[in-house]
Amino acid sequence: MQVAAKGRDIDLSDLRARQFCAADFDRFDLIIGMDANNIADIEDLRPMGNDTPVHLLTAFAPETGADHVPDPYYTRNFDGALDLIEAAVEGLTAHLDA
């Protein structure tokens, strides 16, 4: 993924993955998941009474017809994942700016 992203002038080298935790509901105003399993796992950690919005990233790019971002680790389609993520992030940005 880093090689594919770098080909688009996106530097991912400083990013590190970590597990989502219940405290993230208080840390963030909006939480985004890549697929339905991510969303379900996130919702399982939601503290009682918390109303932080949780959305599927692809919901912000309905024109793609995708219902999730396929994991490029398994599909090996890094460029396809980046295409979908870029489209969804454009939609998310437009949504937040509206």
PDB file of N, CA and C in Angstrom:
ATOM      1  N   MET A   1       0.819  -1.183   0.000  1.00  0.00           N
ATOM      2  CA  MET A   1       0.000   0.000   0.000  1.00  0.00           C
ATOM      3  C   MET A   1       0.866   1.249   0.000  1.00  0.00           C
ATOM      4  N   GLN A   2       1.968   1.208   0.759  1.00  0.00           N
ATOM      5  CA  GLN A   2       2.839   2.378   0.796  1.00  0.00           C
ATOM      6  C   GLN A   2       3.403   2.702  -0.579  1.00  0.00           C
ATOM      7  N   VAL A   3       3.764   1.695  -1.345  1.00  0.00           N
ATOM      8  CA  VAL A   3       4.302   1.920  -2.688  1.00  0.00           C
ATOM      9  C   VAL A   3       3.228   2.507  -3.594  1.00  0.00           C
ATOM     10  N   ALA A   4       2.031   1.942  -3.549  1.00  0.00           N
ATOM     11  CA  ALA A   4       0.936   2.451  -4.385  1.00  0.00           C
ATOM     12  C   ALA A   4       0.579   3.882  -3.996  1.00  0.00           C
ATOM     13  N   ALA A   5       0.532   4.165  -2.711  1.00  0.00           N
ATOM     14  CA  ALA A   5       0.215   5.519  -2.254  1.00  0.00           C
ATOM     15  C   ALA A   5       1.312   6.498  -2.643  1.00  0.00           C
ATOM     16  N   LYS A   6       2.554   6.082  -2.489  1.00  0.00           N
ATOM     17  CA  LYS A   6       3.664   6.966  -2.844  1.00  0.00           C
ATOM     18  C   LYS A   6       3.611   7.329  -4.327  1.00  0.00           C
ATOM     19  N   GLY A   7       3.134   6.417  -5.154  1.00  0.00           N
ATOM     20  CA  GLY A   7       2.951   6.690  -6.580  1.00  0.00           C
ATOM     21  C   GLY A   7       1.932   7.785  -6.837  1.00  0.00           C
ATOM     22  N   ARG A   8       1.128   8.098  -5.837  1.00  0.00           N
ATOM     23  CA  ARG A   8       0.140   9.181  -5.922  1.00  0.00           C
ATOM     24  C   ARG A   8       0.566  10.372  -5.061  1.00  0.00           C
ATOM     25  N   ASP A   9       1.814  10.394  -4.688  1.00  0.00           N
ATOM     26  CA  ASP A   9       2.368  11.451  -3.824  1.00  0.00           C
ATOM     27  C   ASP A   9       1.709  11.492  -2.454  1.00  0.00           C
ATOM     28  N   ILE A  10       1.330  10.326  -1.944  1.00  0.00           N
ATOM     29  CA  ILE A  10       0.780  10.200  -0.596  1.00  0.00           C
ATOM     30  C   ILE A  10       1.801   9.433   0.232  1.00  0.00           C
ATOM     31  N   ASP A  11       2.302  10.048   1.290  1.00  0.00           N
ATOM     32  CA  ASP A  11       3.302   9.426   2.141  1.00  0.00           C
ATOM     33  C   ASP A  11       2.623   8.820   3.367  1.00  0.00           C
ATOM     34  N   LEU A  12       2.636   7.502   3.453  1.00  0.00           N
ATOM     35  CA  LEU A  12       2.026   6.787   4.577  1.00  0.00           C
ATOM     36  C   LEU A  12       3.063   6.288   5.581  1.00  0.00           C
ATOM     37  N   SER A  13       4.315   6.633   5.367  1.00  0.00           N
ATOM     38  CA  SER A  13       5.389   6.022   6.151  1.00  0.00           C
ATOM     39  C   SER A  13       5.317   6.321   7.652  1.00  0.00           C
ATOM     40  N   ASP A  14       4.716   7.423   8.037  1.00  0.00           N
ATOM     41  CA  ASP A  14       4.621   7.755   9.462  1.00  0.00           C
ATOM     42  C   ASP A  14       3.385   7.168  10.143  1.00  0.00           C
ATOM     43  N   LEU A  15       2.496   6.555   9.389  1.00  0.00           N
ATOM     44  CA  LEU A  15       1.256   6.037   9.967  1.00  0.00           C
ATOM     45  C   LEU A  15       1.471   4.659  10.590  1.00  0.00           C
ATOM     46  N   ARG A  16       0.800   4.432  11.701  1.00  0.00           N
ATOM     47  CA  ARG A  16       0.840   3.142  12.382  1.00  0.00           C
ATOM     48  C   ARG A  16      -0.581   2.747  12.748  1.00  0.00           C
ATOM     49  N   ALA A  17      -0.920   1.503  12.515  1.00  0.00           N
ATOM     50  CA  ALA A  17      -2.240   1.000  12.878  1.00  0.00           C
ATOM     51  C   ALA A  17      -2.315   0.780  14.380  1.00  0.00           C
ATOM     52  N   ARG A  18      -3.514   0.879  14.907  1.00  0.00           N
ATOM     53  CA  ARG A  18      -3.756   0.542  16.308  1.00  0.00           C
ATOM     54  C   ARG A  18      -5.193   0.067  16.431  1.00  0.00           C
ATOM     55  N   GLN A  19      -5.482  -0.603  17.509  1.00  0.00           N
ATOM     56  CA  GLN A  19      -6.824  -1.081  17.764  1.00  0.00           C
ATOM     57  C   GLN A  19      -7.723   0.083  18.185  1.00  0.00           C
ATOM     58  N   PHE A  20      -8.941   0.061  17.703  1.00  0.00           N
ATOM     59  CA  PHE A  20      -9.947   1.023  18.133  1.00  0.00           C
ATOM     60  C   PHE A  20     -10.301   0.696  19.577  1.00  0.00           C
ATOM     61  N   CYS A  21     -10.580   1.709  20.382  1.00  0.00           N
ATOM     62  CA  CYS A  21     -10.971   1.470  21.774  1.00  0.00           C
ATOM     63  C   CYS A  21     -12.167   2.351  22.141  1.00  0.00           C
ATOM     64  N   ALA A  22     -12.849   1.991  23.193  1.00  0.00           N
ATOM     65  CA  ALA A  22     -14.053   2.714  23.610  1.00  0.00           C
ATOM     66  C   ALA A  22     -13.782   4.195  23.853  1.00  0.00           C
ATOM     67  N   ALA A  23     -12.598   4.532  24.339  1.00  0.00           N
ATOM     68  CA  ALA A  23     -12.255   5.938  24.597  1.00  0.00           C
ATOM     69  C   ALA A  23     -12.247   6.772  23.317  1.00  0.00           C
ATOM     70  N   ASP A  24     -12.114   6.110  22.165  1.00  0.00           N
ATOM     71  CA  ASP A  24     -12.118   6.844  20.893  1.00  0.00           C
ATOM     72  C   ASP A  24     -13.455   7.534  20.642  1.00  0.00           C
ATOM     73  N   PHE A  25     -14.517   7.037  21.229  1.00  0.00           N
ATOM     74  CA  PHE A  25     -15.811   7.694  21.080  1.00  0.00           C
ATOM     75  C   PHE A  25     -15.788   9.099  21.687  1.00  0.00           C
ATOM     76  N   ASP A  26     -14.969   9.300  22.698  1.00  0.00           N
ATOM     77  CA  ASP A  26     -14.829  10.624  23.305  1.00  0.00           C
ATOM     78  C   ASP A  26     -13.741  11.454  22.643  1.00  0.00           C
ATOM     79  N   ARG A  27     -12.804  10.800  21.988  1.00  0.00           N
ATOM     80  CA  ARG A  27     -11.682  11.506  21.348  1.00  0.00           C
ATOM     81  C   ARG A  27     -12.047  12.123  20.002  1.00  0.00           C
ATOM     82  N   PHE A  28     -13.008  11.531  19.310  1.00  0.00           N
ATOM     83  CA  PHE A  28     -13.301  11.924  17.937  1.00  0.00           C
ATOM     84  C   PHE A  28     -14.755  12.351  17.772  1.00  0.00           C
ATOM     85  N   ASP A  29     -14.979  13.283  16.827  1.00  0.00           N
ATOM     86  CA  ASP A  29     -16.332  13.767  16.516  1.00  0.00           C
ATOM     87  C   ASP A  29     -17.043  12.881  15.511  1.00  0.00           C
ATOM     88  N   LEU A  30     -16.284  12.105  14.766  1.00  0.00           N
ATOM     89  CA  LEU A  30     -16.811  11.243  13.711  1.00  0.00           C
ATOM     90  C   LEU A  30     -15.899  10.042  13.601  1.00  0.00           C
ATOM     91  N   ILE A  31     -16.490   8.868  13.472  1.00  0.00           N
ATOM     92  CA  ILE A  31     -15.720   7.633  13.361  1.00  0.00           C
ATOM     93  C   ILE A  31     -16.116   6.951  12.056  1.00  0.00           C
ATOM     94  N   ILE A  32     -15.101   6.523  11.309  1.00  0.00           N
ATOM     95  CA  ILE A  32     -15.303   5.926   9.990  1.00  0.00           C
ATOM     96  C   ILE A  32     -14.762   4.497   9.994  1.00  0.00           C
ATOM     97  N   GLY A  33     -15.544   3.578   9.433  1.00  0.00           N
ATOM     98  CA  GLY A  33     -15.108   2.196   9.267  1.00  0.00           C
ATOM     99  C   GLY A  33     -15.033   1.845   7.796  1.00  0.00           C
ATOM    100  N   MET A  34     -14.227   0.858   7.473  1.00  0.00           N
ATOM    101  CA  MET A  34     -14.019   0.470   6.073  1.00  0.00           C
ATOM    102  C   MET A  34     -14.985  -0.605   5.589  1.00  0.00           C
ATOM    103  N   ASP A  35     -15.545  -1.385   6.518  1.00  0.00           N
ATOM    104  CA  ASP A  35     -16.499  -2.416   6.108  1.00  0.00           C
ATOM    105  C   ASP A  35     -17.487  -2.687   7.247  1.00  0.00           C
ATOM    106  N   ALA A  36     -18.482  -3.498   6.965  1.00  0.00           N
ATOM    107  CA  ALA A  36     -19.531  -3.767   7.947  1.00  0.00           C
ATOM    108  C   ALA A  36     -18.984  -4.431   9.206  1.00  0.00           C
ATOM    109  N   ASN A  37     -17.968  -5.266   9.071  1.00  0.00           N
ATOM    110  CA  ASN A  37     -17.374  -5.892  10.259  1.00  0.00           C
ATOM    111  C   ASN A  37     -16.702  -4.847  11.133  1.00  0.00           C
ATOM    112  N   ASN A  38     -15.991  -3.882  10.512  1.00  0.00           N
ATOM    113  CA  ASN A  38     -15.387  -2.796  11.289  1.00  0.00           C
ATOM    114  C   ASN A  38     -16.459  -2.037  12.052  1.00  0.00           C
ATOM    115  N   ILE A  39     -17.540  -1.705  11.363  1.00  0.00           N
ATOM    116  CA  ILE A  39     -18.619  -0.937  11.992  1.00  0.00           C
ATOM    117  C   ILE A  39     -19.213  -1.714  13.167  1.00  0.00           C
ATOM    118  N   ALA A  40     -19.471  -2.995  12.968  1.00  0.00           N
ATOM    119  CA  ALA A  40     -20.037  -3.815  14.052  1.00  0.00           C
ATOM    120  C   ALA A  40     -19.086  -3.887  15.245  1.00  0.00           C
ATOM    121  N   ASP A  41     -17.791  -4.064  14.978  1.00  0.00           N
ATOM    122  CA  ASP A  41     -16.811  -4.128  16.067  1.00  0.00           C
ATOM    123  C   ASP A  41     -16.733  -2.791  16.806  1.00  0.00           C
ATOM    124  N   ILE A  42     -16.793  -1.701  16.063  1.00  0.00           N
ATOM    125  CA  ILE A  42     -16.782  -0.363  16.673  1.00  0.00           C
ATOM    126  C   ILE A  42     -18.021  -0.174  17.541  1.00  0.00           C
ATOM    127  N   GLU A  43     -19.172  -0.520  16.993  1.00  0.00           N
ATOM    128  CA  GLU A  43     -20.426  -0.344  17.729  1.00  0.00           C
ATOM    129  C   GLU A  43     -20.462  -1.195  18.997  1.00  0.00           C
ATOM    130  N   ASP A  44     -19.818  -2.352  18.959  1.00  0.00           N
ATOM    131  CA  ASP A  44     -19.764  -3.200  20.156  1.00  0.00           C
ATOM    132  C   ASP A  44     -19.037  -2.512  21.311  1.00  0.00           C
ATOM    133  N   LEU A  45     -18.169  -1.557  20.991  1.00  0.00           N
ATOM    134  CA  LEU A  45     -17.405  -0.848  22.016  1.00  0.00           C
ATOM    135  C   LEU A  45     -18.040   0.475  22.435  1.00  0.00           C
ATOM    136  N   ARG A  46     -19.155   0.833  21.801  1.00  0.00           N
ATOM    137  CA  ARG A  46     -19.790   2.124  22.093  1.00  0.00           C
ATOM    138  C   ARG A  46     -20.239   2.185  23.550  1.00  0.00           C
ATOM    139  N   PRO A  47     -19.779   3.233  24.272  1.00  0.00           N
ATOM    140  CA  PRO A  47     -20.243   3.394  25.654  1.00  0.00           C
ATOM    141  C   PRO A  47     -21.733   3.763  25.691  1.00  0.00           C
ATOM    142  N   MET A  48     -22.413   3.304  26.691  1.00  0.00           N
ATOM    143  CA  MET A  48     -23.828   3.600  26.858  1.00  0.00           C
ATOM    144  C   MET A  48     -24.026   5.118  26.864  1.00  0.00           C
ATOM    145  N   GLY A  49     -24.987   5.584  26.073  1.00  0.00           N
ATOM    146  CA  GLY A  49     -25.326   6.989  26.023  1.00  0.00           C
ATOM    147  C   GLY A  49     -24.478   7.821  25.076  1.00  0.00           C
ATOM    148  N   ASN A  50     -23.456   7.238  24.479  1.00  0.00           N
ATOM    149  CA  ASN A  50     -22.605   7.985  23.553  1.00  0.00           C
ATOM    150  C   ASN A  50     -23.294   8.099  22.205  1.00  0.00           C
ATOM    151  N   ASP A  51     -23.215   9.294  21.589  1.00  0.00           N
ATOM    152  CA  ASP A  51     -23.889   9.493  20.300  1.00  0.00           C
ATOM    153  C   ASP A  51     -22.928   9.917  19.184  1.00  0.00           C
ATOM    154  N   THR A  52     -21.642   9.629  19.332  1.00  0.00           N
ATOM    155  CA  THR A  52     -20.683   9.945  18.276  1.00  0.00           C
ATOM    156  C   THR A  52     -21.088   9.189  17.008  1.00  0.00           C
ATOM    157  N   PRO A  53     -21.220   9.904  15.879  1.00  0.00           N
ATOM    158  CA  PRO A  53     -21.614   9.233  14.636  1.00  0.00           C
ATOM    159  C   PRO A  53     -20.548   8.246  14.156  1.00  0.00           C
ATOM    160  N   VAL A  54     -21.011   7.114  13.654  1.00  0.00           N
ATOM    161  CA  VAL A  54     -20.149   6.090  13.060  1.00  0.00           C
ATOM    162  C   VAL A  54     -20.709   5.817  11.666  1.00  0.00           C
ATOM    163  N   HIS A  55     -19.845   5.929  10.652  1.00  0.00           N
ATOM    164  CA  HIS A  55     -20.284   5.738   9.267  1.00  0.00           C
ATOM    165  C   HIS A  55     -19.334   4.815   8.525  1.00  0.00           C
ATOM    166  N   LEU A  56     -19.861   4.197   7.513  1.00  0.00           N
ATOM    167  CA  LEU A  56     -19.082   3.420   6.567  1.00  0.00           C
ATOM    168  C   LEU A  56     -18.469   4.400   5.568  1.00  0.00           C
ATOM    169  N   LEU A  57     -17.176   4.304   5.317  1.00  0.00           N
ATOM    170  CA  LEU A  57     -16.508   5.253   4.424  1.00  0.00           C
ATOM    171  C   LEU A  57     -17.163   5.302   3.058  1.00  0.00           C
ATOM    172  N   THR A  58     -17.524   4.158   2.518  1.00  0.00           N
ATOM    173  CA  THR A  58     -18.093   4.124   1.171  1.00  0.00           C
ATOM    174  C   THR A  58     -19.472   4.786   1.080  1.00  0.00           C
ATOM    175  N   ALA A  59     -20.093   5.062   2.217  1.00  0.00           N
ATOM    176  CA  ALA A  59     -21.374   5.776   2.193  1.00  0.00           C
ATOM    177  C   ALA A  59     -21.196   7.182   1.626  1.00  0.00           C
ATOM    178  N   PHE A  60     -19.969   7.683   1.648  1.00  0.00           N
ATOM    179  CA  PHE A  60     -19.695   9.015   1.136  1.00  0.00           C
ATOM    180  C   PHE A  60     -19.310   8.997  -0.341  1.00  0.00           C
ATOM    181  N   ALA A  61     -19.358   7.828  -0.963  1.00  0.00           N
ATOM    182  CA  ALA A  61     -19.072   7.695  -2.395  1.00  0.00           C
ATOM    183  C   ALA A  61     -20.054   6.727  -3.027  1.00  0.00           C
ATOM    184  N   PRO A  62     -21.358   7.047  -2.947  1.00  0.00           N
ATOM    185  CA  PRO A  62     -22.358   6.109  -3.475  1.00  0.00           C
ATOM    186  C   PRO A  62     -22.202   5.846  -4.965  1.00  0.00           C
ATOM    187  N   GLU A  63     -21.603   6.799  -5.691  1.00  0.00           N
ATOM    188  CA  GLU A  63     -21.440   6.632  -7.133  1.00  0.00           C
ATOM    189  C   GLU A  63     -20.515   5.467  -7.487  1.00  0.00           C
ATOM    190  N   THR A  64     -19.711   5.006  -6.525  1.00  0.00           N
ATOM    191  CA  THR A  64     -18.802   3.887  -6.794  1.00  0.00           C
ATOM    192  C   THR A  64     -19.532   2.550  -6.784  1.00  0.00           C
ATOM    193  N   GLY A  65     -20.686   2.509  -6.130  1.00  0.00           N
ATOM    194  CA  GLY A  65     -21.429   1.257  -6.017  1.00  0.00           C
ATOM    195  C   GLY A  65     -20.818   0.286  -5.014  1.00  0.00           C
ATOM    196  N   ALA A  66     -19.778   0.711  -4.319  1.00  0.00           N
ATOM    197  CA  ALA A  66     -19.094  -0.169  -3.360  1.00  0.00           C
ATOM    198  C   ALA A  66     -19.777  -0.097  -2.004  1.00  0.00           C
ATOM    199  N   ASP A  67     -19.903  -1.251  -1.364  1.00  0.00           N
ATOM    200  CA  ASP A  67     -20.489  -1.275  -0.022  1.00  0.00           C
ATOM    201  C   ASP A  67     -19.427  -1.397   1.061  1.00  0.00           C
ATOM    202  N   HIS A  68     -18.146  -1.472   0.650  1.00  0.00           N
ATOM    203  CA  HIS A  68     -17.030  -1.517   1.596  1.00  0.00           C
ATOM    204  C   HIS A  68     -15.724  -1.297   0.841  1.00  0.00           C
ATOM    205  N   VAL A  69     -14.672  -1.044   1.582  1.00  0.00           N
ATOM    206  CA  VAL A  69     -13.341  -0.949   0.982  1.00  0.00           C
ATOM    207  C   VAL A  69     -12.686  -2.316   1.152  1.00  0.00           C
ATOM    208  N   PRO A  70     -12.486  -3.041   0.049  1.00  0.00           N
ATOM    209  CA  PRO A  70     -11.845  -4.350   0.159  1.00  0.00           C
ATOM    210  C   PRO A  70     -10.427  -4.211   0.722  1.00  0.00           C
ATOM    211  N   ASP A  71     -10.042  -5.124   1.573  1.00  0.00           N
ATOM    212  CA  ASP A  71      -8.728  -5.086   2.199  1.00  0.00           C
ATOM    213  C   ASP A  71      -7.659  -5.465   1.172  1.00  0.00           C
ATOM    214  N   PRO A  72      -6.815  -4.503   0.795  1.00  0.00           N
ATOM    215  CA  PRO A  72      -5.822  -4.798  -0.240  1.00  0.00           C
ATOM    216  C   PRO A  72      -4.759  -5.798   0.199  1.00  0.00           C
ATOM    217  N   TYR A  73      -4.658  -6.043   1.490  1.00  0.00           N
ATOM    218  CA  TYR A  73      -3.736  -7.077   1.959  1.00  0.00           C
ATOM    219  C   TYR A  73      -4.139  -8.428   1.364  1.00  0.00           C
ATOM    220  N   TYR A  74      -5.449  -8.656   1.254  1.00  0.00           N
ATOM    221  CA  TYR A  74      -5.952  -9.919   0.719  1.00  0.00           C
ATOM    222  C   TYR A  74      -6.179  -9.866  -0.785  1.00  0.00           C
ATOM    223  N   THR A  75      -6.685  -8.727  -1.280  1.00  0.00           N
ATOM    224  CA  THR A  75      -7.011  -8.639  -2.707  1.00  0.00           C
ATOM    225  C   THR A  75      -5.796  -8.317  -3.563  1.00  0.00           C
ATOM    226  N   ARG A  76      -4.769  -7.688  -2.957  1.00  0.00           N
ATOM    227  CA  ARG A  76      -3.568  -7.213  -3.651  1.00  0.00           C
ATOM    228  C   ARG A  76      -3.896  -6.091  -4.630  1.00  0.00           C
ATOM    229  N   ASN A  77      -5.120  -5.563  -4.569  1.00  0.00           N
ATOM    230  CA  ASN A  77      -5.536  -4.469  -5.458  1.00  0.00           C
ATOM    231  C   ASN A  77      -5.375  -3.143  -4.713  1.00  0.00           C
ATOM    232  N   PHE A  78      -4.146  -2.726  -4.533  1.00  0.00           N
ATOM    233  CA  PHE A  78      -3.843  -1.513  -3.785  1.00  0.00           C
ATOM    234  C   PHE A  78      -4.369  -0.272  -4.493  1.00  0.00           C
ATOM    235  N   ASP A  79      -4.203  -0.224  -5.817  1.00  0.00           N
ATOM    236  CA  ASP A  79      -4.696   0.940  -6.560  1.00  0.00           C
ATOM    237  C   ASP A  79      -6.221   1.031  -6.523  1.00  0.00           C
ATOM    238  N   GLY A  80      -6.892  -0.116  -6.600  1.00  0.00           N
ATOM    239  CA  GLY A  80      -8.347  -0.110  -6.514  1.00  0.00           C
ATOM    240  C   GLY A  80      -8.832   0.385  -5.160  1.00  0.00           C
ATOM    241  N   ALA A  81      -8.153  -0.042  -4.110  1.00  0.00           N
ATOM    242  CA  ALA A  81      -8.512   0.422  -2.763  1.00  0.00           C
ATOM    243  C   ALA A  81      -8.280   1.923  -2.650  1.00  0.00           C
ATOM    244  N   LEU A  82      -7.155   2.399  -3.178  1.00  0.00           N
ATOM    245  CA  LEU A  82      -6.874   3.839  -3.127  1.00  0.00           C
ATOM    246  C   LEU A  82      -7.889   4.636  -3.947  1.00  0.00           C
ATOM    247  N   ASP A  83      -8.290   4.118  -5.094  1.00  0.00           N
ATOM    248  CA  ASP A  83      -9.308   4.813  -5.905  1.00  0.00           C
ATOM    249  C   ASP A  83     -10.590   4.983  -5.098  1.00  0.00           C
ATOM    250  N   LEU A  84     -11.008   3.918  -4.461  1.00  0.00           N
ATOM    251  CA  LEU A  84     -12.238   3.940  -3.674  1.00  0.00           C
ATOM    252  C   LEU A  84     -12.098   4.869  -2.461  1.00  0.00           C
ATOM    253  N   ILE A  85     -10.983   4.792  -1.774  1.00  0.00           N
ATOM    254  CA  ILE A  85     -10.755   5.651  -0.608  1.00  0.00           C
ATOM    255  C   ILE A  85     -10.723   7.116  -1.023  1.00  0.00           C
ATOM    256  N   GLU A  86     -10.037   7.427  -2.110  1.00  0.00           N
ATOM    257  CA  GLU A  86      -9.970   8.824  -2.561  1.00  0.00           C
ATOM    258  C   GLU A  86     -11.353   9.361  -2.920  1.00  0.00           C
ATOM    259  N   ALA A  87     -12.155   8.567  -3.619  1.00  0.00           N
ATOM    260  CA  ALA A  87     -13.514   8.998  -3.973  1.00  0.00           C
ATOM    261  C   ALA A  87     -14.349   9.240  -2.710  1.00  0.00           C
ATOM    262  N   ALA A  88     -14.240   8.323  -1.748  1.00  0.00           N
ATOM    263  CA  ALA A  88     -15.021   8.446  -0.520  1.00  0.00           C
ATOM    264  C   ALA A  88     -14.553   9.634   0.324  1.00  0.00           C
ATOM    265  N   VAL A  89     -13.262   9.869   0.370  1.00  0.00           N
ATOM    266  CA  VAL A  89     -12.755  10.999   1.143  1.00  0.00           C
ATOM    267  C   VAL A  89     -13.187  12.326   0.507  1.00  0.00           C
ATOM    268  N   GLU A  90     -13.230  12.379  -0.814  1.00  0.00           N
ATOM    269  CA  GLU A  90     -13.775  13.581  -1.474  1.00  0.00           C
ATOM    270  C   GLU A  90     -15.218  13.813  -1.053  1.00  0.00           C
ATOM    271  N   GLY A  91     -16.017  12.733  -1.037  1.00  0.00           N
ATOM    272  CA  GLY A  91     -17.408  12.832  -0.608  1.00  0.00           C
ATOM    273  C   GLY A  91     -17.537  13.204   0.854  1.00  0.00           C
ATOM    274  N   LEU A  92     -16.682  12.639   1.684  1.00  0.00           N
ATOM    275  CA  LEU A  92     -16.686  12.961   3.112  1.00  0.00           C
ATOM    276  C   LEU A  92     -16.332  14.436   3.321  1.00  0.00           C
ATOM    277  N   THR A  93     -15.329  14.906   2.609  1.00  0.00           N
ATOM    278  CA  THR A  93     -14.925  16.318   2.720  1.00  0.00           C
ATOM    279  C   THR A  93     -16.065  17.240   2.307  1.00  0.00           C
ATOM    280  N   ALA A  94     -16.737  16.900   1.215  1.00  0.00           N
ATOM    281  CA  ALA A  94     -17.874  17.713   0.764  1.00  0.00           C
ATOM    282  C   ALA A  94     -18.981  17.695   1.821  1.00  0.00           C
ATOM    283  N   HIS A  95     -19.224  16.547   2.415  1.00  0.00           N
ATOM    284  CA  HIS A  95     -20.245  16.419   3.458  1.00  0.00           C
ATOM    285  C   HIS A  95     -19.907  17.285   4.664  1.00  0.00           C
ATOM    286  N   LEU A  96     -18.656  17.284   5.070  1.00  0.00           N
ATOM    287  CA  LEU A  96     -18.233  18.041   6.238  1.00  0.00           C
ATOM    288  C   LEU A  96     -18.236  19.553   5.959  1.00  0.00           C
ATOM    289  N   ASP A  97     -17.954  19.922   4.708  1.00  0.00           N
ATOM    290  CA  ASP A  97     -17.939  21.345   4.333  1.00  0.00           C
ATOM    291  C   ASP A  97     -19.334  21.912   4.132  1.00  0.00           C
ATOM    292  N   ALA A  98     -20.326  21.028   3.966  1.00  0.00           N
ATOM    293  CA  ALA A  98     -21.708  21.491   3.691  1.00  0.00           C
ATOM    294  C   ALA A  98     -22.371  22.077   4.919  1.00  0.00           C
TER     295      ALA A  98
END
